[in-house]
Amino acid sequence: MKLYHVRLGKKRTTVSLSETLAALFAFHLGMEPETRQATSAIQKWMQTELDRAGDPNRVRVSQWLQERILLEIMDKELSEKYFRWWLKEEDESSIA
């Protein structure tokens, strides 16, 4: 596991990514995996995502960021299918 430190509001927290996901994301960011530059770029990207979400009380930060990374690196057509499916599931569950 690769560990990254980010800030969630005023608290510092640790995010873990599998070696594979970290390497794939480094490639996606145009970096060589397992370098200082890649580690820094991944950490910066995750911090930006957390800041953008604006939820200092978020729980399960690692899982949330892993999902965000997967959606970022996957083919855009596939991620759009996922979002359409997810939104449909959300709509149906709110009706029930």
C-alpha atoms as a PDB file:
ATOM      1  CA  MET A   1       0.000   0.000   0.000  1.00  0.00           C
ATOM      2  CA  LYS A   2       1.062   3.538  -0.749  1.00  0.00           C
ATOM      3  CA  LEU A   3       0.298   6.109   1.926  1.00  0.00           C
ATOM      4  CA  TYR A   4      -0.401   9.789   1.317  1.00  0.00           C
ATOM      5  CA  HIS A   5      -1.092  12.541   3.817  1.00  0.00           C
ATOM      6  CA  VAL A   6      -3.827  15.080   3.153  1.00  0.00           C
ATOM      7  CA  ARG A   7      -5.733  17.627   5.190  1.00  0.00           C
ATOM      8  CA  LEU A   8      -9.419  17.269   5.835  1.00  0.00           C
ATOM      9  CA  GLY A   9     -10.500  20.612   7.183  1.00  0.00           C
ATOM     10  CA  LYS A  10      -8.057  21.282  10.022  1.00  0.00           C
ATOM     11  CA  LYS A  11      -7.231  17.616  10.543  1.00  0.00           C
ATOM     12  CA  ARG A  12      -4.486  15.644   8.853  1.00  0.00           C
ATOM     13  CA  THR A  13      -5.419  12.185   7.629  1.00  0.00           C
ATOM     14  CA  THR A  14      -3.719   9.347   5.792  1.00  0.00           C
ATOM     15  CA  VAL A  15      -5.017   7.951   2.512  1.00  0.00           C
ATOM     16  CA  SER A  16      -3.976   4.526   1.294  1.00  0.00           C
ATOM     17  CA  LEU A  17      -3.870   3.419  -2.342  1.00  0.00           C
ATOM     18  CA  SER A  18      -2.905   0.016  -3.651  1.00  0.00           C
ATOM     19  CA  GLU A  19       0.452  -0.139  -5.424  1.00  0.00           C
ATOM     20  CA  THR A  20      -1.371  -0.823  -8.698  1.00  0.00           C
ATOM     21  CA  LEU A  21      -3.803   2.068  -8.412  1.00  0.00           C
ATOM     22  CA  ALA A  22      -0.995   4.459  -7.431  1.00  0.00           C
ATOM     23  CA  ALA A  23       1.102   3.361 -10.423  1.00  0.00           C
ATOM     24  CA  LEU A  24      -1.791   3.643 -12.883  1.00  0.00           C
ATOM     25  CA  PHE A  25      -2.686   7.064 -11.560  1.00  0.00           C
ATOM     26  CA  ALA A  26       0.925   8.217 -11.797  1.00  0.00           C
ATOM     27  CA  PHE A  27       0.931   7.187 -15.468  1.00  0.00           C
ATOM     28  CA  HIS A  28      -2.381   9.014 -15.947  1.00  0.00           C
ATOM     29  CA  LEU A  29      -0.788  12.154 -14.503  1.00  0.00           C
ATOM     30  CA  GLY A  30       2.153  11.761 -16.888  1.00  0.00           C
ATOM     31  CA  MET A  31       4.597  10.676 -14.196  1.00  0.00           C
ATOM     32  CA  GLU A  32       6.894   7.731 -13.662  1.00  0.00           C
ATOM     33  CA  PRO A  33       5.419   5.668 -10.786  1.00  0.00           C
ATOM     34  CA  GLU A  34       7.198   5.476  -7.447  1.00  0.00           C
ATOM     35  CA  THR A  35       9.092   8.745  -7.879  1.00  0.00           C
ATOM     36  CA  ARG A  36       8.974  11.773  -5.608  1.00  0.00           C
ATOM     37  CA  GLN A  37       7.356  13.739  -8.405  1.00  0.00           C
ATOM     38  CA  ALA A  38       4.593  11.157  -8.805  1.00  0.00           C
ATOM     39  CA  THR A  39       3.991  10.961  -5.062  1.00  0.00           C
ATOM     40  CA  SER A  40       3.764  14.733  -4.874  1.00  0.00           C
ATOM     41  CA  ALA A  41       1.439  14.969  -7.893  1.00  0.00           C
ATOM     42  CA  ILE A  42      -0.899  12.284  -6.525  1.00  0.00           C
ATOM     43  CA  GLN A  43      -1.010  13.907  -3.089  1.00  0.00           C
ATOM     44  CA  LYS A  44      -1.675  17.331  -4.616  1.00  0.00           C
ATOM     45  CA  TRP A  45      -4.473  15.948  -6.826  1.00  0.00           C
ATOM     46  CA  MET A  46      -6.138  14.227  -3.853  1.00  0.00           C
ATOM     47  CA  GLN A  47      -5.882  17.387  -1.735  1.00  0.00           C
ATOM     48  CA  THR A  48      -7.449  19.427  -4.525  1.00  0.00           C
ATOM     49  CA  GLU A  49     -10.336  16.944  -4.779  1.00  0.00           C
ATOM     50  CA  LEU A  50     -10.932  17.074  -1.030  1.00  0.00           C
ATOM     51  CA  ASP A  51     -10.815  20.867  -1.013  1.00  0.00           C
ATOM     52  CA  ARG A  52     -13.190  21.013  -3.978  1.00  0.00           C
ATOM     53  CA  ALA A  53     -15.677  18.710  -2.232  1.00  0.00           C
ATOM     54  CA  GLY A  54     -15.660  21.046   0.769  1.00  0.00           C
ATOM     55  CA  ASP A  55     -16.724  18.435   3.316  1.00  0.00           C
ATOM     56  CA  PRO A  56     -14.407  18.620   6.367  1.00  0.00           C
ATOM     57  CA  ASN A  57     -16.454  15.933   8.154  1.00  0.00           C
ATOM     58  CA  ARG A  58     -16.094  13.346   5.382  1.00  0.00           C
ATOM     59  CA  VAL A  59     -15.582   9.770   6.552  1.00  0.00           C
ATOM     60  CA  ARG A  60     -13.974   6.907   4.622  1.00  0.00           C
ATOM     61  CA  VAL A  61     -11.628   9.350   2.899  1.00  0.00           C
ATOM     62  CA  SER A  62      -9.429   6.639   1.353  1.00  0.00           C
ATOM     63  CA  GLN A  63     -12.402   4.866  -0.212  1.00  0.00           C
ATOM     64  CA  TRP A  64     -13.861   8.121  -1.536  1.00  0.00           C
ATOM     65  CA  LEU A  65     -10.558   9.164  -3.110  1.00  0.00           C
ATOM     66  CA  GLN A  66      -9.976   5.680  -4.552  1.00  0.00           C
ATOM     67  CA  GLU A  67     -13.350   5.959  -6.298  1.00  0.00           C
ATOM     68  CA  ARG A  68     -12.508   9.453  -7.578  1.00  0.00           C
ATOM     69  CA  ILE A  69      -9.168   8.200  -8.936  1.00  0.00           C
ATOM     70  CA  LEU A  70     -10.758   5.205 -10.656  1.00  0.00           C
ATOM     71  CA  LEU A  71     -13.321   7.440 -12.315  1.00  0.00           C
ATOM     72  CA  GLU A  72     -10.566   9.841 -13.344  1.00  0.00           C
ATOM     73  CA  ILE A  73      -8.362   7.221 -15.018  1.00  0.00           C
ATOM     74  CA  MET A  74     -11.032   5.110 -16.650  1.00  0.00           C
ATOM     75  CA  ASP A  75     -12.222   5.687 -20.163  1.00  0.00           C
ATOM     76  CA  LYS A  76     -14.605   8.656 -20.196  1.00  0.00           C
ATOM     77  CA  GLU A  77     -17.333   6.724 -22.013  1.00  0.00           C
ATOM     78  CA  LEU A  78     -17.256   4.055 -19.308  1.00  0.00           C
ATOM     79  CA  SER A  79     -17.285   6.617 -16.493  1.00  0.00           C
ATOM     80  CA  GLU A  80     -20.259   8.399 -18.106  1.00  0.00           C
ATOM     81  CA  LYS A  81     -22.136   5.066 -18.251  1.00  0.00           C
ATOM     82  CA  TYR A  82     -21.356   4.563 -14.572  1.00  0.00           C
ATOM     83  CA  PHE A  83     -22.633   8.037 -13.632  1.00  0.00           C
ATOM     84  CA  ARG A  84     -25.846   7.561 -15.627  1.00  0.00           C
ATOM     85  CA  TRP A  85     -26.402   4.199 -13.916  1.00  0.00           C
ATOM     86  CA  TRP A  86     -25.597   5.644 -10.487  1.00  0.00           C
ATOM     87  CA  LEU A  87     -27.949   8.588 -10.954  1.00  0.00           C
ATOM     88  CA  LYS A  88     -30.701   6.206 -12.072  1.00  0.00           C
ATOM     89  CA  GLU A  89     -30.160   4.074  -8.947  1.00  0.00           C
ATOM     90  CA  GLU A  90     -30.241   7.206  -6.760  1.00  0.00           C
ATOM     91  CA  ASP A  91     -33.528   8.357  -8.362  1.00  0.00           C
ATOM     92  CA  GLU A  92     -35.131   4.938  -7.925  1.00  0.00           C
ATOM     93  CA  SER A  93     -34.048   4.628  -4.285  1.00  0.00           C
ATOM     94  CA  SER A  94     -35.479   8.058  -3.430  1.00  0.00           C
ATOM     95  CA  ILE A  95     -38.863   7.005  -4.856  1.00  0.00           C
ATOM     96  CA  ALA A  96     -39.039   3.783  -2.823  1.00  0.00           C
END
